[in-house]
Amino acid sequence: MMPRDPEELNNEEPPVDPEAEGAPETDAPEKAVSEAEEKAAEYLASWQRAQADFINYKRRMEQERADYNRFANANFALALLPALDDLERAIAAVPHRYAKSEWVEGVRLVARKFLTILEGQGVKPVVALGQPFDPNFHEALRQAPGQEGVVIEEFQKGYMLNDKLLRPARVVVGNGEAENKEAT
């Protein structure tokens, strides 16, 4: 081996100590892998959120479609209820002497058939008479002497469509005063 020139030694790069500060990074591939794994985890989490959002959206749309189908005939049923009310009022107004007539019985059958068809579509009457007043199902028109907070008279029947209020019952509610039984 030949002796080295001192000038050559000055131009030569010093040996690299991996422990020394300012040394070039030898863990660059590890850092790149770590960053790639973090990005992959972030993308996976984002994808999972998007998938969950889509599943929730799909479920919500199916529920809305089912609700639409259940309540699609609500406007039609609401339009028919006044005709049923008129039939029931006509039957109630029949004089006693004609109550057993065949034509009156025919009108009763038509009213029952009407109600049966509506019930087949999910329309059911709201039970009001004798029940505690509930503003969710009853519309109070006035108060009268009778048991307090109880429906004592029904002016117009209320109806539900598949557990949803279609029309509230229009009622008279007792005010807690005793009814005057004596005629003066």
Protein backbone atom coordinates (compact mmCIF):
# COMPACT_ATOMS: atom_id res chain seq x y z
CA MET A 1 0.00 0.00 0.00
CA MET A 2 1.18 3.41 -0.90
CA PRO A 3 1.36 6.27 1.43
CA ARG A 4 -1.32 8.80 0.85
CA ASP A 5 -0.89 12.35 -0.04
CA PRO A 6 -2.06 14.70 2.75
CA GLU A 7 -3.94 16.77 0.23
CA GLU A 8 -5.80 13.68 -0.88
CA LEU A 9 -6.83 13.01 2.66
CA ASN A 10 -8.37 16.48 2.96
CA ASN A 11 -10.51 16.00 -0.17
CA GLU A 12 -11.75 12.61 0.86
CA GLU A 13 -15.16 12.38 2.56
CA PRO A 14 -14.97 11.32 6.16
CA PRO A 15 -16.43 7.94 7.06
CA VAL A 16 -20.16 8.11 7.95
CA ASP A 17 -21.10 7.35 11.53
CA PRO A 18 -24.76 6.24 11.65
CA GLU A 19 -24.97 7.37 15.28
CA ALA A 20 -23.70 10.89 14.58
CA GLU A 21 -26.05 13.84 14.17
CA GLY A 22 -26.72 15.07 10.67
CA ALA A 23 -25.98 11.67 9.22
CA PRO A 24 -28.06 10.72 6.18
CA GLU A 25 -31.15 8.74 7.15
CA THR A 26 -30.86 5.03 6.73
CA ASP A 27 -34.46 4.36 7.90
CA ALA A 28 -36.03 6.22 4.93
CA PRO A 29 -37.62 3.03 3.55
CA GLU A 30 -39.09 2.25 6.97
CA LYS A 31 -40.49 5.77 7.22
CA ALA A 32 -42.02 5.51 3.73
CA VAL A 33 -43.59 2.18 4.64
CA SER A 34 -44.96 3.67 7.86
CA GLU A 35 -46.44 6.65 5.99
CA ALA A 36 -47.95 4.34 3.38
CA GLU A 37 -49.50 2.19 6.12
CA GLU A 38 -50.98 5.31 7.78
CA LYS A 39 -52.42 6.45 4.46
CA ALA A 40 -53.79 2.97 3.79
CA ALA A 41 -55.44 2.93 7.24
CA GLU A 42 -56.90 6.39 6.59
CA TYR A 43 -58.25 5.28 3.19
CA LEU A 44 -59.68 2.11 4.74
CA ALA A 45 -61.43 4.09 7.49
CA SER A 46 -62.78 6.54 4.90
CA TRP A 47 -64.03 3.68 2.74
CA GLN A 48 -65.67 2.00 5.74
CA ARG A 49 -67.45 5.27 6.66
CA ALA A 50 -68.62 5.68 3.07
CA GLN A 51 -69.86 2.09 3.03
CA ALA A 52 -71.72 2.59 6.34
CA ASP A 53 -73.23 5.83 5.02
CA PHE A 54 -74.41 4.03 1.90
CA ILE A 55 -75.94 1.19 3.93
CA ASN A 56 -77.74 3.74 6.14
CA TYR A 57 -78.93 5.64 3.06
CA LYS A 58 -80.21 2.43 1.50
CA ARG A 59 -82.02 1.45 4.72
CA ARG A 60 -83.54 4.94 5.02
CA MET A 61 -84.76 4.85 1.40
CA GLU A 62 -86.35 1.42 1.94
CA GLN A 63 -88.10 2.74 5.06
CA GLU A 64 -89.35 5.82 3.21
CA ARG A 65 -90.61 3.66 0.35
CA ALA A 66 -92.43 1.37 2.79
CA ASP A 67 -93.96 4.39 4.57
CA TYR A 68 -95.00 5.87 1.24
CA ASN A 69 -96.72 2.63 0.27
CA ARG A 70 -98.43 2.39 3.67
CA PHE A 71 -99.75 5.95 3.51
CA ALA A 72 -100.19 6.42 -0.26
CA ASN A 73 -103.96 6.13 -0.02
CA ALA A 74 -104.26 8.62 2.87
CA ASN A 75 -105.59 11.46 0.71
CA PHE A 76 -108.06 9.16 -0.99
CA ALA A 77 -109.33 7.79 2.33
CA LEU A 78 -109.55 11.32 3.75
CA ALA A 79 -111.67 12.36 0.76
CA LEU A 80 -114.06 9.41 1.31
CA LEU A 81 -114.61 9.98 5.04
CA PRO A 82 -117.18 12.80 4.60
CA ALA A 83 -119.35 10.48 2.50
CA LEU A 84 -119.18 7.83 5.26
CA ASP A 85 -120.04 10.53 7.82
CA ASP A 86 -123.10 11.50 5.75
CA LEU A 87 -124.25 7.87 5.56
CA GLU A 88 -123.91 7.48 9.32
CA ARG A 89 -125.80 10.76 9.96
CA ALA A 90 -128.56 9.65 7.57
CA ILE A 91 -128.92 6.35 9.43
CA ALA A 92 -129.00 8.15 12.78
CA ALA A 93 -131.71 10.54 11.51
CA VAL A 94 -134.12 7.79 10.36
CA PRO A 95 -137.42 8.09 12.26
CA HIS A 96 -138.11 5.19 14.60
CA ARG A 97 -141.13 3.99 12.59
CA TYR A 98 -138.91 3.45 9.50
CA ALA A 99 -135.96 1.92 11.36
CA LYS A 100 -136.88 -1.64 10.31
CA SER A 101 -137.58 -0.77 6.67
CA GLU A 102 -135.68 -2.65 4.00
CA TRP A 103 -134.30 0.50 2.38
CA VAL A 104 -132.93 1.68 5.76
CA GLU A 105 -131.33 -1.72 6.26
CA GLY A 106 -129.84 -1.38 2.74
CA VAL A 107 -128.31 1.99 3.66
CA ARG A 108 -126.86 0.41 6.83
CA LEU A 109 -125.33 -2.37 4.74
CA VAL A 110 -123.79 0.17 2.36
CA ALA A 111 -122.30 2.09 5.33
CA ARG A 112 -120.90 -1.16 6.82
CA LYS A 113 -119.44 -2.18 3.46
CA PHE A 114 -117.88 1.26 3.09
CA LEU A 115 -116.27 0.94 6.54
CA THR A 116 -115.11 -2.62 5.81
CA ILE A 117 -113.39 -1.48 2.61
CA LEU A 118 -111.66 1.36 4.45
CA GLU A 119 -110.58 -1.02 7.23
CA GLY A 120 -109.13 -3.30 4.56
CA GLN A 121 -106.93 -0.38 3.52
CA GLY A 122 -105.76 0.20 7.10
CA VAL A 123 -108.29 2.90 8.10
CA LYS A 124 -109.77 2.37 11.55
CA PRO A 125 -112.04 4.61 13.66
CA VAL A 126 -110.64 6.32 16.77
CA VAL A 127 -112.46 5.25 19.91
CA ALA A 128 -113.42 8.47 21.67
CA LEU A 129 -116.67 8.23 23.65
CA GLY A 130 -116.01 7.56 27.34
CA GLN A 131 -112.23 7.80 26.87
CA PRO A 132 -109.95 10.35 28.56
CA PHE A 133 -109.42 13.38 26.32
CA ASP A 134 -106.17 13.04 24.36
CA PRO A 135 -105.20 16.00 22.17
CA ASN A 136 -103.21 13.62 19.96
CA PHE A 137 -106.43 11.89 18.86
CA HIS A 138 -109.27 14.25 19.82
CA GLU A 139 -110.20 17.80 18.90
CA ALA A 140 -112.22 19.44 21.69
CA LEU A 141 -115.03 21.62 20.37
CA ARG A 142 -116.42 22.59 23.75
CA GLN A 143 -116.86 21.55 27.37
CA ALA A 144 -120.08 20.46 29.02
CA PRO A 145 -121.16 19.14 32.41
CA GLY A 146 -119.80 15.63 32.88
CA GLN A 147 -116.83 13.72 34.21
CA GLU A 148 -113.78 15.98 34.00
CA GLY A 149 -111.36 15.30 31.15
CA VAL A 150 -113.49 12.53 29.63
CA VAL A 151 -115.09 12.61 26.18
CA ILE A 152 -118.85 12.76 26.74
CA GLU A 153 -120.06 13.36 23.18
CA GLU A 154 -118.66 12.78 19.70
CA PHE A 155 -119.62 15.17 16.88
CA GLN A 156 -117.44 13.57 14.21
CA LYS A 157 -115.53 10.29 14.27
CA GLY A 158 -111.78 10.34 14.03
CA TYR A 159 -109.81 7.85 11.95
CA MET A 160 -106.34 6.32 11.98
CA LEU A 161 -104.43 4.99 8.99
CA ASN A 162 -101.90 2.32 9.97
CA ASP A 163 -101.27 3.81 13.44
CA LYS A 164 -101.06 7.36 12.06
CA LEU A 165 -103.80 9.88 12.76
CA LEU A 166 -105.76 10.59 9.61
CA ARG A 167 -108.44 12.79 11.17
CA PRO A 168 -108.97 13.64 14.85
CA ALA A 169 -112.31 12.93 16.51
CA ARG A 170 -114.26 16.15 17.15
CA VAL A 171 -115.59 15.83 20.68
CA VAL A 172 -117.20 17.45 23.72
CA VAL A 173 -115.21 17.06 26.93
CA GLY A 174 -116.59 16.95 30.48
CA ASN A 175 -115.72 19.92 32.67
CA GLY A 176 -116.16 18.23 36.06
CA GLU A 177 -119.54 19.75 36.89
CA ALA A 178 -122.34 17.40 37.84
CA GLU A 179 -125.06 17.08 35.24
CA ASN A 180 -128.37 18.65 36.23
CA LYS A 181 -130.81 15.72 36.24
CA GLU A 182 -133.85 17.74 37.30
CA ALA A 183 -135.85 19.68 34.75
CA THR A 184 -136.67 23.17 35.92
